[in-house]
Amino acid sequence: MKKLFLVIFLFLHVGILIINNSVMTRETYVDFFDQKSNYFDFICGEIIRHPFFQIYGKYTGIETGYGFFGFNVRSTGFVINEYCGKTSNPEFNSLEAENRYGSLRSLYIDYLKYQFPENRKTNQVDGMLEDYLDLVLKNVSAFSMRGKVVDCDSVLTGYYILEVPKLVDLKNGAELNYELLPVKKFVYAIGK
């Protein structure tokens, strides 16, 4: 009887995980590509927002979308400074600064939506968001260069994400390598 209960629970748990992650992925896809959702999307969204699913999701951690092989695991990126043949990443002295830097990285992933709009027109808010993110990135870069000896007259700063090979390619013998894909790059002069 215990094994039967365990098997039923296992199928129920995995089923809820698949439903939750599938609906979250579909909602993210619809939002990212600025498409209209249909009635099926609405019904599925209502199901995963039912109090039973909400409570179960909070207790088990399923609600985050970061479950085992979760579909909705978000990419993140990082800032790299290149100067005089060297590279560096920002270093911070407090947990709060690290958390704010993490928020900046999330904002840049959201920025991709505005940089590469599909079937939508950019507007003034998109331009303001881009200017704001550029300013914050420049400040992070300038902060991370304080105290470093720089013998050249400019720094190339960029925000990159990792491109990893697909599982199908690995199965077919591809090497396990990654590429740095630039989301945003700019050069600024060092004041002497």
N, C-alpha and C. Protein backbone atom coordinates (compact mmCIF):
# COMPACT_ATOMS: atom_id res chain seq x y z
N MET A 1 0.82 -1.20 0.00
CA MET A 1 0.00 0.00 0.00
C MET A 1 0.87 1.27 0.00
N LYS A 2 1.99 1.23 0.75
CA LYS A 2 2.88 2.39 0.79
C LYS A 2 3.49 2.66 -0.58
N LYS A 3 3.87 1.60 -1.28
CA LYS A 3 4.45 1.77 -2.61
C LYS A 3 3.44 2.38 -3.57
N LEU A 4 2.19 1.92 -3.49
CA LEU A 4 1.14 2.47 -4.35
C LEU A 4 0.94 3.95 -4.06
N PHE A 5 0.90 4.31 -2.78
CA PHE A 5 0.75 5.72 -2.40
C PHE A 5 1.94 6.54 -2.92
N LEU A 6 3.15 5.99 -2.78
CA LEU A 6 4.34 6.68 -3.25
C LEU A 6 4.32 6.89 -4.77
N VAL A 7 3.90 5.86 -5.51
CA VAL A 7 3.83 5.96 -6.97
C VAL A 7 2.78 7.00 -7.38
N ILE A 8 1.63 6.99 -6.73
CA ILE A 8 0.58 7.98 -7.03
C ILE A 8 1.10 9.39 -6.74
N PHE A 9 1.74 9.57 -5.58
CA PHE A 9 2.29 10.88 -5.24
C PHE A 9 3.35 11.31 -6.25
N LEU A 10 4.21 10.38 -6.64
CA LEU A 10 5.26 10.69 -7.61
C LEU A 10 4.67 11.18 -8.93
N PHE A 11 3.68 10.47 -9.46
CA PHE A 11 3.06 10.89 -10.71
C PHE A 11 2.32 12.22 -10.56
N LEU A 12 1.67 12.42 -9.43
CA LEU A 12 0.98 13.69 -9.18
C LEU A 12 1.99 14.83 -9.11
N HIS A 13 3.07 14.62 -8.38
CA HIS A 13 4.08 15.68 -8.22
C HIS A 13 4.74 16.02 -9.56
N VAL A 14 5.16 15.01 -10.31
CA VAL A 14 5.79 15.26 -11.61
C VAL A 14 4.79 15.89 -12.58
N GLY A 15 3.54 15.45 -12.53
CA GLY A 15 2.51 16.04 -13.39
C GLY A 15 2.30 17.51 -13.10
N ILE A 16 2.23 17.87 -11.81
CA ILE A 16 2.07 19.28 -11.44
C ILE A 16 3.29 20.08 -11.87
N LEU A 17 4.47 19.50 -11.70
CA LEU A 17 5.71 20.17 -12.13
C LEU A 17 5.69 20.45 -13.62
N ILE A 18 5.30 19.46 -14.41
CA ILE A 18 5.27 19.63 -15.87
C ILE A 18 4.22 20.65 -16.27
N ILE A 19 3.04 20.58 -15.68
CA ILE A 19 1.96 21.54 -16.00
C ILE A 19 2.41 22.95 -15.64
N ASN A 20 2.92 23.13 -14.43
CA ASN A 20 3.33 24.45 -13.97
C ASN A 20 4.41 25.05 -14.86
N ASN A 21 5.46 24.27 -15.13
CA ASN A 21 6.56 24.79 -15.94
C ASN A 21 6.14 25.02 -17.38
N SER A 22 5.27 24.18 -17.91
CA SER A 22 4.79 24.37 -19.28
C SER A 22 3.97 25.65 -19.40
N VAL A 23 3.09 25.88 -18.44
CA VAL A 23 2.26 27.09 -18.47
C VAL A 23 3.14 28.33 -18.29
N MET A 24 4.10 28.27 -17.36
CA MET A 24 4.99 29.42 -17.16
C MET A 24 5.82 29.69 -18.41
N THR A 25 6.29 28.63 -19.07
CA THR A 25 7.06 28.80 -20.30
C THR A 25 6.21 29.43 -21.39
N ARG A 26 4.98 28.95 -21.53
CA ARG A 26 4.08 29.51 -22.55
C ARG A 26 3.79 30.99 -22.25
N GLU A 27 3.55 31.32 -20.99
CA GLU A 27 3.28 32.72 -20.64
C GLU A 27 4.50 33.60 -20.93
N THR A 28 5.69 33.09 -20.62
CA THR A 28 6.91 33.84 -20.92
C THR A 28 7.08 34.04 -22.42
N TYR A 29 6.82 32.99 -23.19
CA TYR A 29 6.93 33.05 -24.65
C TYR A 29 5.94 34.09 -25.22
N VAL A 30 4.70 34.03 -24.75
CA VAL A 30 3.67 34.96 -25.24
C VAL A 30 4.06 36.39 -24.89
N ASP A 31 4.56 36.59 -23.67
CA ASP A 31 4.96 37.93 -23.24
C ASP A 31 6.18 38.42 -24.01
N PHE A 32 7.20 37.56 -24.16
CA PHE A 32 8.44 37.97 -24.80
C PHE A 32 8.22 38.35 -26.26
N PHE A 33 7.42 37.58 -26.98
CA PHE A 33 7.18 37.86 -28.39
C PHE A 33 5.94 38.72 -28.61
N ASP A 34 5.40 39.25 -27.51
CA ASP A 34 4.29 40.19 -27.57
C ASP A 34 3.13 39.64 -28.41
N GLN A 35 2.76 38.40 -28.13
CA GLN A 35 1.65 37.77 -28.84
C GLN A 35 0.40 37.81 -27.97
N LYS A 36 -0.72 37.54 -28.61
CA LYS A 36 -1.97 37.48 -27.87
C LYS A 36 -2.16 36.07 -27.34
N SER A 37 -2.57 35.97 -26.08
CA SER A 37 -2.84 34.65 -25.53
C SER A 37 -4.24 34.22 -25.96
N ASN A 38 -4.45 32.91 -25.98
CA ASN A 38 -5.75 32.39 -26.38
C ASN A 38 -6.51 31.86 -25.16
N TYR A 39 -7.67 31.30 -25.41
CA TYR A 39 -8.52 30.83 -24.32
C TYR A 39 -7.85 29.68 -23.57
N PHE A 40 -7.13 28.81 -24.29
CA PHE A 40 -6.43 27.70 -23.65
C PHE A 40 -5.37 28.23 -22.67
N ASP A 41 -4.64 29.28 -23.07
CA ASP A 41 -3.67 29.91 -22.18
C ASP A 41 -4.34 30.43 -20.92
N PHE A 42 -5.50 31.05 -21.09
CA PHE A 42 -6.24 31.61 -19.96
C PHE A 42 -6.64 30.51 -18.98
N ILE A 43 -7.18 29.41 -19.50
CA ILE A 43 -7.64 28.30 -18.65
C ILE A 43 -6.44 27.70 -17.90
N CYS A 44 -5.35 27.46 -18.61
CA CYS A 44 -4.16 26.88 -17.96
C CYS A 44 -3.62 27.82 -16.88
N GLY A 45 -3.61 29.12 -17.15
CA GLY A 45 -3.17 30.09 -16.16
C GLY A 45 -4.05 30.08 -14.93
N GLU A 46 -5.36 29.94 -15.13
CA GLU A 46 -6.29 29.88 -14.00
C GLU A 46 -6.06 28.61 -13.18
N ILE A 47 -5.74 27.52 -13.85
CA ILE A 47 -5.52 26.26 -13.13
C ILE A 47 -4.30 26.37 -12.22
N ILE A 48 -3.18 26.87 -12.74
CA ILE A 48 -1.99 26.92 -11.89
C ILE A 48 -2.07 28.02 -10.84
N ARG A 49 -3.03 28.91 -10.95
CA ARG A 49 -3.21 29.93 -9.92
C ARG A 49 -4.32 29.55 -8.93
N HIS A 50 -4.85 28.35 -9.06
CA HIS A 50 -5.84 27.85 -8.10
C HIS A 50 -5.16 27.73 -6.74
N PRO A 51 -5.87 28.00 -5.65
CA PRO A 51 -5.24 27.95 -4.32
C PRO A 51 -4.52 26.62 -4.02
N PHE A 52 -5.06 25.49 -4.48
CA PHE A 52 -4.38 24.20 -4.25
C PHE A 52 -2.98 24.22 -4.85
N PHE A 53 -2.87 24.66 -6.11
CA PHE A 53 -1.58 24.69 -6.77
C PHE A 53 -0.65 25.72 -6.11
N GLN A 54 -1.21 26.85 -5.69
CA GLN A 54 -0.40 27.89 -5.05
C GLN A 54 0.21 27.38 -3.74
N ILE A 55 -0.61 26.73 -2.91
CA ILE A 55 -0.13 26.23 -1.63
C ILE A 55 0.88 25.09 -1.85
N TYR A 56 0.52 24.16 -2.73
CA TYR A 56 1.41 23.04 -3.01
C TYR A 56 2.74 23.54 -3.60
N GLY A 57 2.65 24.53 -4.48
CA GLY A 57 3.85 25.10 -5.09
C GLY A 57 4.76 25.77 -4.09
N LYS A 58 4.17 26.47 -3.10
CA LYS A 58 4.98 27.14 -2.09
C LYS A 58 5.70 26.13 -1.19
N TYR A 59 5.00 25.08 -0.82
CA TYR A 59 5.61 24.09 0.07
C TYR A 59 6.67 23.24 -0.62
N THR A 60 6.51 22.98 -1.89
CA THR A 60 7.44 22.10 -2.60
C THR A 60 8.48 22.86 -3.42
N GLY A 61 8.28 24.15 -3.63
CA GLY A 61 9.22 24.93 -4.44
C GLY A 61 8.95 24.84 -5.93
N ILE A 62 7.87 24.20 -6.32
CA ILE A 62 7.54 24.04 -7.74
C ILE A 62 7.18 25.38 -8.37
N GLU A 63 6.61 26.28 -7.60
CA GLU A 63 6.09 27.54 -8.15
C GLU A 63 7.17 28.40 -8.79
N THR A 64 8.42 28.17 -8.44
CA THR A 64 9.49 29.03 -8.95
C THR A 64 9.83 28.76 -10.40
N GLY A 65 9.48 27.58 -10.92
CA GLY A 65 9.87 27.24 -12.27
C GLY A 65 11.27 26.68 -12.35
N TYR A 66 11.92 26.54 -11.20
CA TYR A 66 13.29 26.04 -11.17
C TYR A 66 13.34 24.58 -10.73
N GLY A 67 12.30 23.84 -11.03
CA GLY A 67 12.27 22.43 -10.66
C GLY A 67 13.27 21.64 -11.47
N PHE A 68 13.34 20.38 -11.20
CA PHE A 68 14.24 19.48 -11.89
C PHE A 68 13.97 19.56 -13.39
N PHE A 69 14.98 19.89 -14.17
CA PHE A 69 14.84 20.12 -15.61
C PHE A 69 13.73 21.13 -15.90
N GLY A 70 13.64 22.17 -15.08
CA GLY A 70 12.61 23.18 -15.29
C GLY A 70 12.80 23.88 -16.63
N PHE A 71 11.67 24.20 -17.26
CA PHE A 71 11.68 24.82 -18.58
C PHE A 71 11.95 26.32 -18.49
N ASN A 72 11.68 26.91 -17.36
CA ASN A 72 11.66 28.36 -17.28
C ASN A 72 12.88 28.91 -16.55
N VAL A 73 13.99 28.19 -16.56
CA VAL A 73 15.19 28.66 -15.89
C VAL A 73 15.81 29.77 -16.73
N ARG A 74 15.92 30.90 -16.13
CA ARG A 74 16.33 32.10 -16.84
C ARG A 74 17.85 32.20 -16.95
N SER A 75 18.31 32.70 -18.07
CA SER A 75 19.74 32.95 -18.25
C SER A 75 20.14 34.20 -17.50
N THR A 76 21.39 34.31 -17.23
CA THR A 76 21.92 35.55 -16.69
C THR A 76 23.24 35.82 -17.39
N GLY A 77 23.77 36.94 -17.16
CA GLY A 77 25.01 37.31 -17.83
C GLY A 77 25.93 38.01 -16.86
N PHE A 78 26.98 38.60 -17.39
CA PHE A 78 27.95 39.26 -16.53
C PHE A 78 28.68 40.34 -17.31
N VAL A 79 29.28 41.25 -16.55
CA VAL A 79 30.02 42.38 -17.12
C VAL A 79 31.50 42.02 -17.15
N ILE A 80 32.14 42.30 -18.28
CA ILE A 80 33.58 42.10 -18.42
C ILE A 80 34.20 43.40 -18.90
N ASN A 81 35.26 43.84 -18.22
CA ASN A 81 36.04 45.00 -18.65
C ASN A 81 37.31 44.49 -19.32
N GLU A 82 37.63 45.04 -20.48
CA GLU A 82 38.86 44.68 -21.18
C GLU A 82 39.70 45.95 -21.32
N TYR A 83 40.94 45.87 -20.86
CA TYR A 83 41.83 47.03 -20.91
C TYR A 83 43.28 46.56 -20.93
N CYS A 84 44.08 47.17 -21.76
CA CYS A 84 45.51 46.91 -21.84
C CYS A 84 45.83 45.42 -21.94
N GLY A 85 45.02 44.66 -22.64
CA GLY A 85 45.25 43.23 -22.79
C GLY A 85 44.81 42.40 -21.60
N LYS A 86 44.15 43.01 -20.62
CA LYS A 86 43.68 42.30 -19.43
C LYS A 86 42.15 42.31 -19.40
N THR A 87 41.60 41.44 -18.59
CA THR A 87 40.15 41.45 -18.37
C THR A 87 39.88 41.43 -16.88
N SER A 88 38.72 41.98 -16.50
CA SER A 88 38.33 41.94 -15.09
C SER A 88 36.81 41.95 -15.00
N ASN A 89 36.33 41.45 -13.89
CA ASN A 89 34.90 41.49 -13.57
C ASN A 89 34.73 42.39 -12.35
N PRO A 90 33.56 43.00 -12.21
CA PRO A 90 33.33 43.83 -11.02
C PRO A 90 33.43 43.00 -9.74
N GLU A 91 34.06 43.58 -8.73
CA GLU A 91 34.15 42.97 -7.41
C GLU A 91 33.51 43.91 -6.41
N PHE A 92 32.76 43.35 -5.46
CA PHE A 92 32.01 44.17 -4.51
C PHE A 92 32.40 43.78 -3.08
N ASN A 93 32.18 44.73 -2.17
CA ASN A 93 32.58 44.53 -0.78
C ASN A 93 31.44 44.16 0.15
N SER A 94 30.21 44.10 -0.36
CA SER A 94 29.08 43.79 0.52
C SER A 94 28.05 42.94 -0.21
N LEU A 95 27.24 42.25 0.58
CA LEU A 95 26.18 41.42 0.02
C LEU A 95 25.14 42.29 -0.69
N GLU A 96 24.86 43.46 -0.14
CA GLU A 96 23.89 44.36 -0.78
C GLU A 96 24.35 44.76 -2.18
N ALA A 97 25.63 45.07 -2.32
CA ALA A 97 26.16 45.44 -3.63
C ALA A 97 26.07 44.27 -4.60
N GLU A 98 26.36 43.06 -4.13
CA GLU A 98 26.24 41.87 -4.97
C GLU A 98 24.78 41.68 -5.42
N ASN A 99 23.84 41.89 -4.49
CA ASN A 99 22.42 41.75 -4.84
C ASN A 99 21.99 42.78 -5.87
N ARG A 100 22.46 44.00 -5.72
CA ARG A 100 22.11 45.04 -6.70
C ARG A 100 22.72 44.73 -8.07
N TYR A 101 23.92 44.19 -8.05
CA TYR A 101 24.55 43.78 -9.30
C TYR A 101 23.74 42.65 -9.95
N GLY A 102 23.24 41.72 -9.16
CA GLY A 102 22.38 40.66 -9.68
C GLY A 102 21.11 41.23 -10.30
N SER A 103 20.54 42.26 -9.68
CA SER A 103 19.34 42.91 -10.25
C SER A 103 19.67 43.56 -11.58
N LEU A 104 20.84 44.19 -11.67
CA LEU A 104 21.26 44.80 -12.93
C LEU A 104 21.34 43.75 -14.02
N ARG A 105 21.91 42.60 -13.70
CA ARG A 105 22.04 41.54 -14.70
C ARG A 105 20.67 41.06 -15.15
N SER A 106 19.71 40.99 -14.25
CA SER A 106 18.35 40.60 -14.64
C SER A 106 17.72 41.65 -15.55
N LEU A 107 17.97 42.92 -15.25
CA LEU A 107 17.43 43.98 -16.10
C LEU A 107 17.98 43.89 -17.52
N TYR A 108 19.25 43.51 -17.64
CA TYR A 108 19.82 43.41 -18.98
C TYR A 108 19.22 42.25 -19.76
N ILE A 109 18.85 41.18 -19.10
CA ILE A 109 18.17 40.09 -19.80
C ILE A 109 16.80 40.59 -20.28
N ASP A 110 16.09 41.36 -19.44
CA ASP A 110 14.83 41.95 -19.87
C ASP A 110 15.04 42.91 -21.02
N TYR A 111 16.20 43.56 -21.05
CA TYR A 111 16.52 44.51 -22.10
C TYR A 111 16.53 43.86 -23.48
N LEU A 112 16.86 42.57 -23.53
CA LEU A 112 16.86 41.86 -24.81
C LEU A 112 15.51 41.98 -25.50
N LYS A 113 14.44 41.99 -24.71
CA LYS A 113 13.10 42.11 -25.26
C LYS A 113 12.97 43.41 -26.05
N TYR A 114 13.59 44.47 -25.54
CA TYR A 114 13.46 45.77 -26.18
C TYR A 114 14.48 45.97 -27.30
N GLN A 115 15.62 45.31 -27.17
CA GLN A 115 16.65 45.46 -28.19
C GLN A 115 16.27 44.74 -29.47
N PHE A 116 15.60 43.62 -29.34
CA PHE A 116 15.23 42.82 -30.50
C PHE A 116 13.72 42.63 -30.55
N PRO A 117 12.96 43.71 -30.72
CA PRO A 117 11.50 43.55 -30.73
C PRO A 117 11.05 42.79 -31.98
N GLU A 118 10.08 41.92 -31.79
CA GLU A 118 9.52 41.20 -32.93
C GLU A 118 8.04 41.56 -33.01
N ASN A 119 7.64 42.07 -34.14
CA ASN A 119 6.26 42.49 -34.37
C ASN A 119 5.82 43.56 -33.38
N ARG A 120 6.74 44.39 -32.96
CA ARG A 120 6.35 45.51 -32.12
C ARG A 120 7.25 46.68 -32.40
N LYS A 121 6.74 47.86 -32.18
CA LYS A 121 7.51 49.06 -32.44
C LYS A 121 8.13 49.55 -31.14
N THR A 122 9.38 50.00 -31.23
CA THR A 122 10.00 50.57 -30.04
C THR A 122 9.35 51.91 -29.78
N ASN A 123 9.34 52.30 -28.53
CA ASN A 123 8.75 53.59 -28.17
C ASN A 123 9.73 54.36 -27.30
N GLN A 124 9.29 55.49 -26.81
CA GLN A 124 10.17 56.35 -26.04
C GLN A 124 10.65 55.68 -24.76
N VAL A 125 9.79 54.87 -24.13
CA VAL A 125 10.17 54.18 -22.90
C VAL A 125 11.31 53.20 -23.17
N ASP A 126 11.27 52.51 -24.31
CA ASP A 126 12.36 51.59 -24.66
C ASP A 126 13.69 52.34 -24.75
N GLY A 127 13.68 53.52 -25.37
CA GLY A 127 14.89 54.32 -25.49
C GLY A 127 15.39 54.79 -24.13
N MET A 128 14.46 55.20 -23.27
CA MET A 128 14.84 55.63 -21.92
C MET A 128 15.41 54.46 -21.12
N LEU A 129 14.82 53.28 -21.26
CA LEU A 129 15.33 52.11 -20.57
C LEU A 129 16.74 51.79 -21.03
N GLU A 130 16.97 51.87 -22.34
CA GLU A 130 18.29 51.60 -22.87
C GLU A 130 19.31 52.60 -22.33
N ASP A 131 18.96 53.88 -22.33
CA ASP A 131 19.87 54.91 -21.80
C ASP A 131 20.16 54.68 -20.32
N TYR A 132 19.12 54.33 -19.57
CA TYR A 132 19.30 54.07 -18.14
C TYR A 132 20.24 52.89 -17.90
N LEU A 133 20.00 51.79 -18.61
CA LEU A 133 20.84 50.60 -18.42
C LEU A 133 22.28 50.87 -18.83
N ASP A 134 22.47 51.65 -19.90
CA ASP A 134 23.83 52.03 -20.31
C ASP A 134 24.53 52.82 -19.21
N LEU A 135 23.81 53.77 -18.62
CA LEU A 135 24.37 54.60 -17.56
C LEU A 135 24.75 53.75 -16.35
N VAL A 136 23.86 52.84 -15.95
CA VAL A 136 24.16 51.98 -14.80
C VAL A 136 25.35 51.07 -15.10
N LEU A 137 25.39 50.52 -16.30
CA LEU A 137 26.50 49.65 -16.68
C LEU A 137 27.82 50.43 -16.67
N LYS A 138 27.81 51.65 -17.16
CA LYS A 138 29.02 52.48 -17.15
C LYS A 138 29.47 52.76 -15.72
N ASN A 139 28.51 53.01 -14.82
CA ASN A 139 28.86 53.27 -13.43
C ASN A 139 29.44 52.03 -12.76
N VAL A 140 28.86 50.88 -13.02
CA VAL A 140 29.40 49.63 -12.47
C VAL A 140 30.81 49.42 -12.98
N SER A 141 31.00 49.68 -14.26
CA SER A 141 32.31 49.50 -14.88
C SER A 141 33.33 50.46 -14.28
N ALA A 142 32.96 51.72 -14.16
CA ALA A 142 33.88 52.71 -13.59
C ALA A 142 34.21 52.36 -12.14
N PHE A 143 33.20 51.91 -11.38
CA PHE A 143 33.43 51.51 -9.99
C PHE A 143 34.41 50.34 -9.92
N SER A 144 34.24 49.37 -10.81
CA SER A 144 35.09 48.19 -10.77
C SER A 144 36.52 48.48 -11.23
N MET A 145 36.73 49.60 -11.91
CA MET A 145 38.08 49.95 -12.38
C MET A 145 38.84 50.81 -11.37
N ARG A 146 38.15 51.30 -10.32
CA ARG A 146 38.83 52.12 -9.31
C ARG A 146 39.96 51.34 -8.66
N GLY A 147 41.09 51.98 -8.53
CA GLY A 147 42.22 51.36 -7.87
C GLY A 147 43.07 50.46 -8.76
N LYS A 148 42.63 50.24 -9.98
CA LYS A 148 43.41 49.41 -10.90
C LYS A 148 44.37 50.31 -11.68
N VAL A 149 45.56 49.81 -11.91
CA VAL A 149 46.54 50.55 -12.70
C VAL A 149 46.22 50.28 -14.17
N VAL A 150 45.88 51.36 -14.88
CA VAL A 150 45.51 51.24 -16.29
C VAL A 150 46.47 52.09 -17.10
N ASP A 151 47.29 51.43 -17.92
CA ASP A 151 48.30 52.13 -18.72
C ASP A 151 47.78 52.53 -20.10
N CYS A 152 46.60 52.10 -20.47
CA CYS A 152 46.05 52.46 -21.77
C CYS A 152 45.02 53.58 -21.58
N ASP A 153 44.50 54.10 -22.68
CA ASP A 153 43.63 55.26 -22.56
C ASP A 153 42.14 54.96 -22.70
N SER A 154 41.77 53.67 -22.84
CA SER A 154 40.34 53.35 -22.94
C SER A 154 40.06 51.95 -22.39
N VAL A 155 38.79 51.74 -22.06
CA VAL A 155 38.31 50.46 -21.54
C VAL A 155 37.13 50.02 -22.38
N LEU A 156 37.12 48.76 -22.79
CA LEU A 156 35.98 48.18 -23.49
C LEU A 156 35.18 47.42 -22.44
N THR A 157 33.94 47.82 -22.26
CA THR A 157 33.07 47.17 -21.29
C THR A 157 31.93 46.51 -22.03
N GLY A 158 31.59 45.32 -21.61
CA GLY A 158 30.49 44.62 -22.26
C GLY A 158 29.70 43.76 -21.29
N TYR A 159 28.45 43.57 -21.65
CA TYR A 159 27.59 42.65 -20.91
C TYR A 159 27.40 41.43 -21.81
N TYR A 160 27.72 40.26 -21.30
CA TYR A 160 27.71 39.03 -22.10
C TYR A 160 26.80 37.98 -21.48
N ILE A 161 26.25 37.14 -22.34
CA ILE A 161 25.56 35.94 -21.88
C ILE A 161 26.28 34.74 -22.49
N LEU A 162 26.09 33.58 -21.88
CA LEU A 162 26.75 32.37 -22.37
C LEU A 162 25.84 31.63 -23.34
N GLU A 163 26.41 31.21 -24.43
CA GLU A 163 25.72 30.35 -25.39
C GLU A 163 26.36 28.98 -25.25
N VAL A 164 25.59 27.99 -24.82
CA VAL A 164 26.11 26.63 -24.66
C VAL A 164 25.56 25.74 -25.76
N PRO A 165 26.27 24.67 -26.09
CA PRO A 165 25.78 23.80 -27.17
C PRO A 165 24.48 23.09 -26.78
N LYS A 166 23.69 22.76 -27.77
CA LYS A 166 22.44 22.03 -27.53
C LYS A 166 22.76 20.58 -27.20
N LEU A 167 21.86 19.95 -26.45
CA LEU A 167 22.05 18.55 -26.08
C LEU A 167 22.14 17.65 -27.30
N VAL A 168 21.39 17.99 -28.35
CA VAL A 168 21.43 17.19 -29.58
C VAL A 168 22.82 17.24 -30.20
N ASP A 169 23.42 18.44 -30.20
CA ASP A 169 24.76 18.58 -30.76
C ASP A 169 25.79 17.81 -29.94
N LEU A 170 25.65 17.84 -28.61
CA LEU A 170 26.57 17.08 -27.76
C LEU A 170 26.42 15.59 -28.01
N LYS A 171 25.19 15.16 -28.21
CA LYS A 171 24.94 13.74 -28.48
C LYS A 171 25.60 13.31 -29.79
N ASN A 172 25.66 14.25 -30.73
CA ASN A 172 26.27 13.96 -32.03
C ASN A 172 27.78 14.20 -32.04
N GLY A 173 28.38 14.43 -30.87
CA GLY A 173 29.83 14.50 -30.79
C GLY A 173 30.42 15.89 -30.69
N ALA A 174 29.61 16.93 -30.57
CA ALA A 174 30.15 18.29 -30.44
C ALA A 174 30.89 18.43 -29.11
N GLU A 175 31.88 19.32 -29.08
CA GLU A 175 32.62 19.58 -27.85
C GLU A 175 31.79 20.42 -26.90
N LEU A 176 32.02 20.21 -25.63
CA LEU A 176 31.32 20.97 -24.60
C LEU A 176 32.04 22.30 -24.39
N ASN A 177 31.76 23.26 -25.26
CA ASN A 177 32.33 24.60 -25.20
C ASN A 177 31.20 25.61 -25.09
N TYR A 178 31.54 26.79 -24.72
CA TYR A 178 30.56 27.86 -24.68
C TYR A 178 31.12 29.07 -25.40
N GLU A 179 30.22 29.95 -25.82
CA GLU A 179 30.62 31.21 -26.45
C GLU A 179 30.09 32.35 -25.63
N LEU A 180 30.83 33.44 -25.62
CA LEU A 180 30.35 34.66 -25.00
C LEU A 180 29.62 35.47 -26.06
N LEU A 181 28.35 35.71 -25.85
CA LEU A 181 27.58 36.52 -26.79
C LEU A 181 27.37 37.91 -26.18
N PRO A 182 27.85 38.96 -26.86
CA PRO A 182 27.68 40.30 -26.31
C PRO A 182 26.23 40.79 -26.48
N VAL A 183 25.69 41.29 -25.38
CA VAL A 183 24.38 41.94 -25.43
C VAL A 183 24.58 43.43 -25.65
N LYS A 184 25.57 43.97 -24.98
CA LYS A 184 25.85 45.40 -25.08
C LYS A 184 27.34 45.61 -24.87
N LYS A 185 27.96 46.47 -25.71
CA LYS A 185 29.38 46.80 -25.56
C LYS A 185 29.56 48.29 -25.78
N PHE A 186 30.50 48.86 -25.06
CA PHE A 186 30.87 50.24 -25.35
C PHE A 186 32.28 50.50 -24.85
N VAL A 187 32.88 51.54 -25.42
CA VAL A 187 34.25 51.93 -25.06
C VAL A 187 34.16 53.28 -24.38
N TYR A 188 34.92 53.45 -23.30
CA TYR A 188 35.00 54.78 -22.71
C TYR A 188 36.45 55.13 -22.38
N ALA A 189 36.73 56.42 -22.41
CA ALA A 189 38.10 56.90 -22.22
C ALA A 189 38.41 57.01 -20.74
N ILE A 190 39.66 56.74 -20.42
CA ILE A 190 40.13 56.86 -19.04
C ILE A 190 40.70 58.26 -18.87
N GLY A 191 40.22 58.98 -17.88
CA GLY A 191 40.74 60.31 -17.59
C GLY A 191 42.01 60.20 -16.76
N LYS A 192 43.04 60.88 -17.18
CA LYS A 192 44.32 60.84 -16.45
C LYS A 192 44.34 61.94 -15.42
